[in-house]
Each structure stands twice: as structure tokens, then as C-alpha cells.
């Protein structure tokens, strides 16, 4: 059975490739959203909003600072979903 973390990671990969055109092979746990994947702060906010809406969770502004790397995004959303 797939863990919450694995599901979140797959969902983020799909979101970034389909919505933002990021090549799937560039999306690694250590990839920086801005420097490595070419996204900007508006893209980050949009992706977070999409995930919040899909899962009926809320990310605080303070949590956004830890979400500049794929691993940070996955960690935060997996924790929110496990707590829900």
C-alpha cells in the first residue's frame, strides 16, 4: 500500500508537469522550485492553493518558507494529510 508521502509526492509531480510544464525528470526531492525548476513565487502560491483546495487543508504563511524544495512541499502536505 502506498504511503501518504508517496501519494503526495506523485500528486505534486503530476501537478508540476501538467499545470506548470516542468519536465518530470527534473522533479527530484532536492530540486529547488525556483532555481532548478524555473517556477516563481506566484507558481508556488498557485500550486499550494490547488493542493489546499483538493485536500481541504490550510498551509500557514510561515510554512511556505520551508517549501522552496520539493522535499519540503511533500513533507508539509504529507504531515497535514496525516493529521487530518
PDB file of N, CA and C in Angstrom:
ATOM      1  N   UNK A   1       0.835  -1.181   0.000  1.00  0.00           N
ATOM      2  CA  UNK A   1       0.000   0.000   0.000  1.00  0.00           C
ATOM      3  C   UNK A   1       0.886   1.253   0.000  1.00  0.00           C
ATOM      4  N   UNK A   2       0.488   2.233  -0.786  1.00  0.00           N
ATOM      5  CA  UNK A   2       1.244   3.465  -0.920  1.00  0.00           C
ATOM      6  C   UNK A   2       1.055   4.354   0.316  1.00  0.00           C
ATOM      7  N   UNK A   3       2.140   4.924   0.803  1.00  0.00           N
ATOM      8  CA  UNK A   3       2.073   5.807   1.970  1.00  0.00           C
ATOM      9  C   UNK A   3       1.524   7.174   1.560  1.00  0.00           C
ATOM     10  N   UNK A   4       1.098   7.941   2.547  1.00  0.00           N
ATOM     11  CA  UNK A   4       0.631   9.308   2.283  1.00  0.00           C
ATOM     12  C   UNK A   4       1.725  10.093   1.580  1.00  0.00           C
ATOM     13  N   UNK A   5       2.941   9.942   2.062  1.00  0.00           N
ATOM     14  CA  UNK A   5       4.067  10.667   1.479  1.00  0.00           C
ATOM     15  C   UNK A   5       4.251  10.311  -0.002  1.00  0.00           C
ATOM     16  N   UNK A   6       4.156   9.036  -0.343  1.00  0.00           N
ATOM     17  CA  UNK A   6       4.311   8.625  -1.743  1.00  0.00           C
ATOM     18  C   UNK A   6       3.181   9.180  -2.608  1.00  0.00           C
ATOM     19  N   UNK A   7       1.970   9.187  -2.075  1.00  0.00           N
ATOM     20  CA  UNK A   7       0.827   9.739  -2.819  1.00  0.00           C
ATOM     21  C   UNK A   7       1.009  11.234  -3.048  1.00  0.00           C
ATOM     22  N   UNK A   8       1.433  11.949  -2.018  1.00  0.00           N
ATOM     23  CA  UNK A   8       1.649  13.390  -2.137  1.00  0.00           C
ATOM     24  C   UNK A   8       2.754  13.678  -3.141  1.00  0.00           C
ATOM     25  N   UNK A   9       3.824  12.928  -3.063  1.00  0.00           N
ATOM     26  CA  UNK A   9       4.939  13.134  -3.992  1.00  0.00           C
ATOM     27  C   UNK A   9       4.493  12.937  -5.437  1.00  0.00           C
ATOM     28  N   UNK A  10       3.713  11.893  -5.692  1.00  0.00           N
ATOM     29  CA  UNK A  10       3.208  11.630  -7.042  1.00  0.00           C
ATOM     30  C   UNK A  10       2.254  12.740  -7.492  1.00  0.00           C
ATOM     31  N   UNK A  11       1.413  13.201  -6.582  1.00  0.00           N
ATOM     32  CA  UNK A  11       0.465  14.266  -6.918  1.00  0.00           C
ATOM     33  C   UNK A  11       1.195  15.566  -7.248  1.00  0.00           C
ATOM     34  N   UNK A  12       2.210  15.896  -6.487  1.00  0.00           N
ATOM     35  CA  UNK A  12       2.977  17.110  -6.752  1.00  0.00           C
ATOM     36  C   UNK A  12       3.711  16.996  -8.078  1.00  0.00           C
ATOM     37  N   UNK A  13       4.282  15.846  -8.341  1.00  0.00           N
ATOM     38  CA  UNK A  13       4.973  15.624  -9.628  1.00  0.00           C
ATOM     39  C   UNK A  13       3.986  15.830 -10.784  1.00  0.00           C
ATOM     40  N   UNK A  14       2.805  15.237 -10.675  1.00  0.00           N
ATOM     41  CA  UNK A  14       1.791  15.380 -11.725  1.00  0.00           C
ATOM     42  C   UNK A  14       1.358  16.832 -11.887  1.00  0.00           C
ATOM     43  N   UNK A  15       1.140  17.509 -10.772  1.00  0.00           N
ATOM     44  CA  UNK A  15       0.715  18.909 -10.805  1.00  0.00           C
ATOM     45  C   UNK A  15       1.763  19.784 -11.487  1.00  0.00           C
ATOM     46  N   UNK A  16       3.016  19.601 -11.118  1.00  0.00           N
ATOM     47  CA  UNK A  16       4.074  20.426 -11.693  1.00  0.00           C
ATOM     48  C   UNK A  16       4.275  20.159 -13.181  1.00  0.00           C
ATOM     49  N   UNK A  17       4.120  18.916 -13.604  1.00  0.00           N
ATOM     50  CA  UNK A  17       4.301  18.618 -15.030  1.00  0.00           C
ATOM     51  C   UNK A  17       3.093  19.069 -15.849  1.00  0.00           C
ATOM     52  N   UNK A  18       1.897  18.806 -15.356  1.00  0.00           N
ATOM     53  CA  UNK A  18       0.698  19.113 -16.128  1.00  0.00           C
ATOM     54  C   UNK A  18       0.349  20.605 -16.104  1.00  0.00           C
ATOM     55  N   UNK A  19       0.420  21.221 -14.965  1.00  0.00           N
ATOM     56  CA  UNK A  19      -0.030  22.610 -14.820  1.00  0.00           C
ATOM     57  C   UNK A  19       1.067  23.627 -15.142  1.00  0.00           C
ATOM     58  N   UNK A  20       2.306  23.281 -14.799  1.00  0.00           N
ATOM     59  CA  UNK A  20       3.389  24.248 -14.935  1.00  0.00           C
ATOM     60  C   UNK A  20       4.432  23.852 -15.987  1.00  0.00           C
ATOM     61  N   UNK A  21       4.257  22.713 -16.635  1.00  0.00           N
ATOM     62  CA  UNK A  21       5.146  22.308 -17.715  1.00  0.00           C
ATOM     63  C   UNK A  21       6.552  21.925 -17.306  1.00  0.00           C
ATOM     64  N   UNK A  22       6.728  21.540 -16.041  1.00  0.00           N
ATOM     65  CA  UNK A  22       8.059  21.138 -15.568  1.00  0.00           C
ATOM     66  C   UNK A  22       8.325  19.700 -16.030  1.00  0.00           C
ATOM     67  N   UNK A  23       9.451  19.454 -16.689  1.00  0.00           N
ATOM     68  CA  UNK A  23       9.776  18.083 -17.098  1.00  0.00           C
ATOM     69  C   UNK A  23       9.883  17.161 -15.873  1.00  0.00           C
ATOM     70  N   UNK A  24       9.210  16.027 -15.929  1.00  0.00           N
ATOM     71  CA  UNK A  24       9.146  15.097 -14.794  1.00  0.00           C
ATOM     72  C   UNK A  24      10.524  14.663 -14.321  1.00  0.00           C
ATOM     73  N   UNK A  25      11.484  14.514 -15.239  1.00  0.00           N
ATOM     74  CA  UNK A  25      12.816  14.044 -14.839  1.00  0.00           C
ATOM     75  C   UNK A  25      13.595  15.085 -14.035  1.00  0.00           C
ATOM     76  N   UNK A  26      13.133  16.329 -14.021  1.00  0.00           N
ATOM     77  CA  UNK A  26      13.804  17.371 -13.233  1.00  0.00           C
ATOM     78  C   UNK A  26      13.237  17.468 -11.819  1.00  0.00           C
ATOM     79  N   UNK A  27      12.117  16.799 -11.563  1.00  0.00           N
ATOM     80  CA  UNK A  27      11.463  16.891 -10.262  1.00  0.00           C
ATOM     81  C   UNK A  27      12.027  15.805  -9.346  1.00  0.00           C
ATOM     82  N   UNK A  28      12.985  16.209  -8.536  1.00  0.00           N
ATOM     83  CA  UNK A  28      13.615  15.309  -7.577  1.00  0.00           C
ATOM     84  C   UNK A  28      13.367  15.861  -6.176  1.00  0.00           C
ATOM     85  N   UNK A  29      13.544  15.053  -5.140  1.00  0.00           N
ATOM     86  CA  UNK A  29      13.308  15.552  -3.778  1.00  0.00           C
ATOM     87  C   UNK A  29      14.113  16.806  -3.431  1.00  0.00           C
ATOM     88  N   UNK A  30      15.301  16.950  -3.994  1.00  0.00           N
ATOM     89  CA  UNK A  30      16.166  18.082  -3.663  1.00  0.00           C
ATOM     90  C   UNK A  30      16.063  19.244  -4.655  1.00  0.00           C
ATOM     91  N   UNK A  31      15.161  19.134  -5.629  1.00  0.00           N
ATOM     92  CA  UNK A  31      15.021  20.200  -6.628  1.00  0.00           C
ATOM     93  C   UNK A  31      14.404  21.445  -5.992  1.00  0.00           C
ATOM     94  N   UNK A  32      15.045  22.586  -6.218  1.00  0.00           N
ATOM     95  CA  UNK A  32      14.551  23.873  -5.729  1.00  0.00           C
ATOM     96  C   UNK A  32      13.524  24.376  -6.752  1.00  0.00           C
ATOM     97  N   UNK A  33      12.360  24.784  -6.259  1.00  0.00           N
ATOM     98  CA  UNK A  33      11.280  25.195  -7.154  1.00  0.00           C
ATOM     99  C   UNK A  33      11.677  26.352  -8.058  1.00  0.00           C
ATOM    100  N   UNK A  34      12.405  27.316  -7.514  1.00  0.00           N
ATOM    101  CA  UNK A  34      12.753  28.495  -8.296  1.00  0.00           C
ATOM    102  C   UNK A  34      14.020  28.279  -9.113  1.00  0.00           C
ATOM    103  N   UNK A  35      15.091  27.886  -8.435  1.00  0.00           N
ATOM    104  CA  UNK A  35      16.400  27.784  -9.085  1.00  0.00           C
ATOM    105  C   UNK A  35      16.505  26.611 -10.053  1.00  0.00           C
ATOM    106  N   UNK A  36      15.942  25.458  -9.691  1.00  0.00           N
ATOM    107  CA  UNK A  36      16.090  24.259 -10.527  1.00  0.00           C
ATOM    108  C   UNK A  36      14.927  24.038 -11.494  1.00  0.00           C
ATOM    109  N   UNK A  37      13.724  24.430 -11.070  1.00  0.00           N
ATOM    110  CA  UNK A  37      12.542  24.109 -11.881  1.00  0.00           C
ATOM    111  C   UNK A  37      11.964  25.311 -12.617  1.00  0.00           C
ATOM    112  N   UNK A  38      12.511  26.490 -12.362  1.00  0.00           N
ATOM    113  CA  UNK A  38      12.096  27.667 -13.103  1.00  0.00           C
ATOM    114  C   UNK A  38      10.747  28.250 -12.704  1.00  0.00           C
ATOM    115  N   UNK A  39      10.245  27.858 -11.554  1.00  0.00           N
ATOM    116  CA  UNK A  39       8.983  28.424 -11.079  1.00  0.00           C
ATOM    117  C   UNK A  39       9.248  29.746 -10.365  1.00  0.00           C
ATOM    118  N   UNK A  40       8.180  30.478 -10.074  1.00  0.00           N
ATOM    119  CA  UNK A  40       8.327  31.712  -9.301  1.00  0.00           C
ATOM    120  C   UNK A  40       7.359  31.675  -8.127  1.00  0.00           C
ATOM    121  N   UNK A  41       7.338  32.757  -7.349  1.00  0.00           N
ATOM    122  CA  UNK A  41       6.518  32.760  -6.138  1.00  0.00           C
ATOM    123  C   UNK A  41       5.026  32.648  -6.456  1.00  0.00           C
ATOM    124  N   UNK A  42       4.591  33.192  -7.576  1.00  0.00           N
ATOM    125  CA  UNK A  42       3.177  33.069  -7.965  1.00  0.00           C
ATOM    126  C   UNK A  42       2.848  31.611  -8.275  1.00  0.00           C
ATOM    127  N   UNK A  43       3.762  30.908  -8.948  1.00  0.00           N
ATOM    128  CA  UNK A  43       3.563  29.481  -9.234  1.00  0.00           C
ATOM    129  C   UNK A  43       3.462  28.687  -7.935  1.00  0.00           C
ATOM    130  N   UNK A  44       4.344  29.005  -6.971  1.00  0.00           N
ATOM    131  CA  UNK A  44       4.312  28.310  -5.690  1.00  0.00           C
ATOM    132  C   UNK A  44       2.967  28.524  -5.010  1.00  0.00           C
ATOM    133  N   UNK A  45       2.517  29.766  -4.957  1.00  0.00           N
ATOM    134  CA  UNK A  45       1.238  30.072  -4.310  1.00  0.00           C
ATOM    135  C   UNK A  45       0.088  29.373  -5.020  1.00  0.00           C
ATOM    136  N   UNK A  46       0.131  29.324  -6.324  1.00  0.00           N
ATOM    137  CA  UNK A  46      -0.912  28.660  -7.099  1.00  0.00           C
ATOM    138  C   UNK A  46      -0.929  27.157  -6.825  1.00  0.00           C
ATOM    139  N   UNK A  47       0.244  26.539  -6.815  1.00  0.00           N
ATOM    140  CA  UNK A  47       0.332  25.099  -6.546  1.00  0.00           C
ATOM    141  C   UNK A  47      -0.155  24.780  -5.140  1.00  0.00           C
ATOM    142  N   UNK A  48       0.243  25.586  -4.173  1.00  0.00           N
ATOM    143  CA  UNK A  48      -0.194  25.378  -2.790  1.00  0.00           C
ATOM    144  C   UNK A  48      -1.714  25.527  -2.696  1.00  0.00           C
ATOM    145  N   UNK A  49      -2.263  26.541  -3.353  1.00  0.00           N
ATOM    146  CA  UNK A  49      -3.712  26.756  -3.324  1.00  0.00           C
ATOM    147  C   UNK A  49      -4.468  25.578  -3.929  1.00  0.00           C
ATOM    148  N   UNK A  50      -3.944  25.035  -5.010  1.00  0.00           N
ATOM    149  CA  UNK A  50      -4.572  23.874  -5.648  1.00  0.00           C
ATOM    150  C   UNK A  50      -4.571  22.689  -4.685  1.00  0.00           C
ATOM    151  N   UNK A  51      -3.437  22.431  -4.051  1.00  0.00           N
ATOM    152  CA  UNK A  51      -3.336  21.303  -3.119  1.00  0.00           C
ATOM    153  C   UNK A  51      -4.204  21.521  -1.882  1.00  0.00           C
ATOM    154  N   UNK A  52      -4.252  22.749  -1.391  1.00  0.00           N
ATOM    155  CA  UNK A  52      -5.112  23.058  -0.238  1.00  0.00           C
ATOM    156  C   UNK A  52      -6.570  22.772  -0.572  1.00  0.00           C
ATOM    157  N   UNK A  53      -6.988  23.209  -1.739  1.00  0.00           N
ATOM    158  CA  UNK A  53      -8.385  23.014  -2.144  1.00  0.00           C
ATOM    159  C   UNK A  53      -8.705  21.535  -2.354  1.00  0.00           C
ATOM    160  N   UNK A  54      -7.820  20.816  -3.004  1.00  0.00           N
ATOM    161  CA  UNK A  54      -8.045  19.389  -3.258  1.00  0.00           C
ATOM    162  C   UNK A  54      -8.212  18.592  -1.974  1.00  0.00           C
ATOM    163  N   UNK A  55      -7.476  18.990  -0.940  1.00  0.00           N
ATOM    164  CA  UNK A  55      -7.436  18.187   0.287  1.00  0.00           C
ATOM    165  C   UNK A  55      -8.085  18.864   1.492  1.00  0.00           C
ATOM    166  N   UNK A  56      -8.659  20.040   1.276  1.00  0.00           N
ATOM    167  CA  UNK A  56      -9.330  20.778   2.341  1.00  0.00           C
ATOM    168  C   UNK A  56      -8.415  20.949   3.563  1.00  0.00           C
ATOM    169  N   UNK A  57      -7.206  21.425   3.281  1.00  0.00           N
ATOM    170  CA  UNK A  57      -6.233  21.727   4.336  1.00  0.00           C
ATOM    171  C   UNK A  57      -5.748  23.155   4.118  1.00  0.00           C
ATOM    172  N   UNK A  58      -5.033  23.676   5.104  1.00  0.00           N
ATOM    173  CA  UNK A  58      -4.527  25.038   5.008  1.00  0.00           C
ATOM    174  C   UNK A  58      -3.048  25.077   5.393  1.00  0.00           C
ATOM    175  N   UNK A  59      -2.269  25.769   4.576  1.00  0.00           N
ATOM    176  CA  UNK A  59      -0.841  25.953   4.836  1.00  0.00           C
ATOM    177  C   UNK A  59      -0.653  27.371   5.348  1.00  0.00           C
ATOM    178  N   UNK A  60       0.009  27.518   6.470  1.00  0.00           N
ATOM    179  CA  UNK A  60       0.249  28.856   7.014  1.00  0.00           C
ATOM    180  C   UNK A  60       1.343  29.560   6.214  1.00  0.00           C
ATOM    181  N   UNK A  61       1.334  30.874   6.291  1.00  0.00           N
ATOM    182  CA  UNK A  61       2.370  31.652   5.599  1.00  0.00           C
ATOM    183  C   UNK A  61       3.764  31.265   6.079  1.00  0.00           C
ATOM    184  N   UNK A  62       3.894  30.966   7.366  1.00  0.00           N
ATOM    185  CA  UNK A  62       5.179  30.555   7.910  1.00  0.00           C
ATOM    186  C   UNK A  62       5.689  29.254   7.316  1.00  0.00           C
ATOM    187  N   UNK A  63       4.774  28.360   6.968  1.00  0.00           N
ATOM    188  CA  UNK A  63       5.168  27.082   6.374  1.00  0.00           C
ATOM    189  C   UNK A  63       5.707  27.229   4.951  1.00  0.00           C
ATOM    190  N   UNK A  64       5.320  28.296   4.286  1.00  0.00           N
ATOM    191  CA  UNK A  64       5.771  28.492   2.906  1.00  0.00           C
ATOM    192  C   UNK A  64       7.285  28.609   2.806  1.00  0.00           C
ATOM    193  N   UNK A  65       7.938  29.121   3.839  1.00  0.00           N
ATOM    194  CA  UNK A  65       9.392  29.283   3.808  1.00  0.00           C
ATOM    195  C   UNK A  65      10.115  27.946   3.723  1.00  0.00           C
ATOM    196  N   UNK A  66       9.498  26.881   4.195  1.00  0.00           N
ATOM    197  CA  UNK A  66      10.098  25.557   4.117  1.00  0.00           C
ATOM    198  C   UNK A  66       9.708  24.796   2.870  1.00  0.00           C
ATOM    199  N   UNK A  67       9.039  25.482   1.944  1.00  0.00           N
ATOM    200  CA  UNK A  67       8.501  24.790   0.776  1.00  0.00           C
ATOM    201  C   UNK A  67       9.147  25.242  -0.534  1.00  0.00           C
ATOM    202  N   UNK A  68      10.417  25.591  -0.494  1.00  0.00           N
ATOM    203  CA  UNK A  68      11.109  26.005  -1.706  1.00  0.00           C
ATOM    204  C   UNK A  68      11.775  24.820  -2.415  1.00  0.00           C
ATOM    205  N   UNK A  69      11.827  23.693  -1.734  1.00  0.00           N
ATOM    206  CA  UNK A  69      12.411  22.472  -2.281  1.00  0.00           C
ATOM    207  C   UNK A  69      11.311  21.416  -2.282  1.00  0.00           C
ATOM    208  N   UNK A  70      11.306  20.561  -3.283  1.00  0.00           N
ATOM    209  CA  UNK A  70      10.245  19.551  -3.419  1.00  0.00           C
ATOM    210  C   UNK A  70      10.050  18.774  -2.115  1.00  0.00           C
ATOM    211  N   UNK A  71      11.134  18.351  -1.491  1.00  0.00           N
ATOM    212  CA  UNK A  71      11.030  17.582  -0.251  1.00  0.00           C
ATOM    213  C   UNK A  71      10.219  18.348   0.809  1.00  0.00           C
ATOM    214  N   UNK A  72      10.419  19.647   0.906  1.00  0.00           N
ATOM    215  CA  UNK A  72       9.693  20.467   1.872  1.00  0.00           C
ATOM    216  C   UNK A  72       8.204  20.519   1.581  1.00  0.00           C
ATOM    217  N   UNK A  73       7.849  20.620   0.312  1.00  0.00           N
ATOM    218  CA  UNK A  73       6.429  20.629  -0.075  1.00  0.00           C
ATOM    219  C   UNK A  73       5.793  19.292   0.275  1.00  0.00           C
ATOM    220  N   UNK A  74       6.473  18.216  -0.077  1.00  0.00           N
ATOM    221  CA  UNK A  74       5.957  16.875   0.208  1.00  0.00           C
ATOM    222  C   UNK A  74       5.823  16.666   1.715  1.00  0.00           C
ATOM    223  N   UNK A  75       6.857  17.031   2.466  1.00  0.00           N
ATOM    224  CA  UNK A  75       6.821  16.857   3.927  1.00  0.00           C
ATOM    225  C   UNK A  75       5.633  17.582   4.545  1.00  0.00           C
ATOM    226  N   UNK A  76       5.431  18.842   4.146  1.00  0.00           N
ATOM    227  CA  UNK A  76       4.363  19.650   4.758  1.00  0.00           C
ATOM    228  C   UNK A  76       2.980  19.097   4.430  1.00  0.00           C
ATOM    229  N   UNK A  77       2.745  18.765   3.155  1.00  0.00           N
ATOM    230  CA  UNK A  77       1.418  18.257   2.799  1.00  0.00           C
ATOM    231  C   UNK A  77       1.178  16.854   3.345  1.00  0.00           C
ATOM    232  N   UNK A  78       2.191  16.025   3.396  1.00  0.00           N
ATOM    233  CA  UNK A  78       2.019  14.691   3.990  1.00  0.00           C
ATOM    234  C   UNK A  78       1.661  14.822   5.460  1.00  0.00           C
ATOM    235  N   UNK A  79       2.320  15.739   6.172  1.00  0.00           N
ATOM    236  CA  UNK A  79       2.021  15.948   7.597  1.00  0.00           C
ATOM    237  C   UNK A  79       0.593  16.468   7.780  1.00  0.00           C
ATOM    238  N   UNK A  80       0.175  17.405   6.940  1.00  0.00           N
ATOM    239  CA  UNK A  80      -1.186  17.927   7.038  1.00  0.00           C
ATOM    240  C   UNK A  80      -2.234  16.845   6.778  1.00  0.00           C
ATOM    241  N   UNK A  81      -1.980  16.015   5.790  1.00  0.00           N
ATOM    242  CA  UNK A  81      -2.946  14.966   5.464  1.00  0.00           C
ATOM    243  C   UNK A  81      -2.971  13.867   6.506  1.00  0.00           C
ATOM    244  N   UNK A  82      -1.820  13.542   7.072  1.00  0.00           N
ATOM    245  CA  UNK A  82      -1.781  12.537   8.146  1.00  0.00           C
ATOM    246  C   UNK A  82      -2.507  13.038   9.393  1.00  0.00           C
ATOM    247  N   UNK A  83      -2.471  14.356   9.628  1.00  0.00           N
ATOM    248  CA  UNK A  83      -3.115  14.935  10.809  1.00  0.00           C
ATOM    249  C   UNK A  83      -4.625  15.109  10.623  1.00  0.00           C
ATOM    250  N   UNK A  84      -5.051  15.112   9.375  1.00  0.00           N
ATOM    251  CA  UNK A  84      -6.490  15.349   9.088  1.00  0.00           C
ATOM    252  C   UNK A  84      -7.353  14.136   9.412  1.00  0.00           C
TER     253      UNK A  84
END
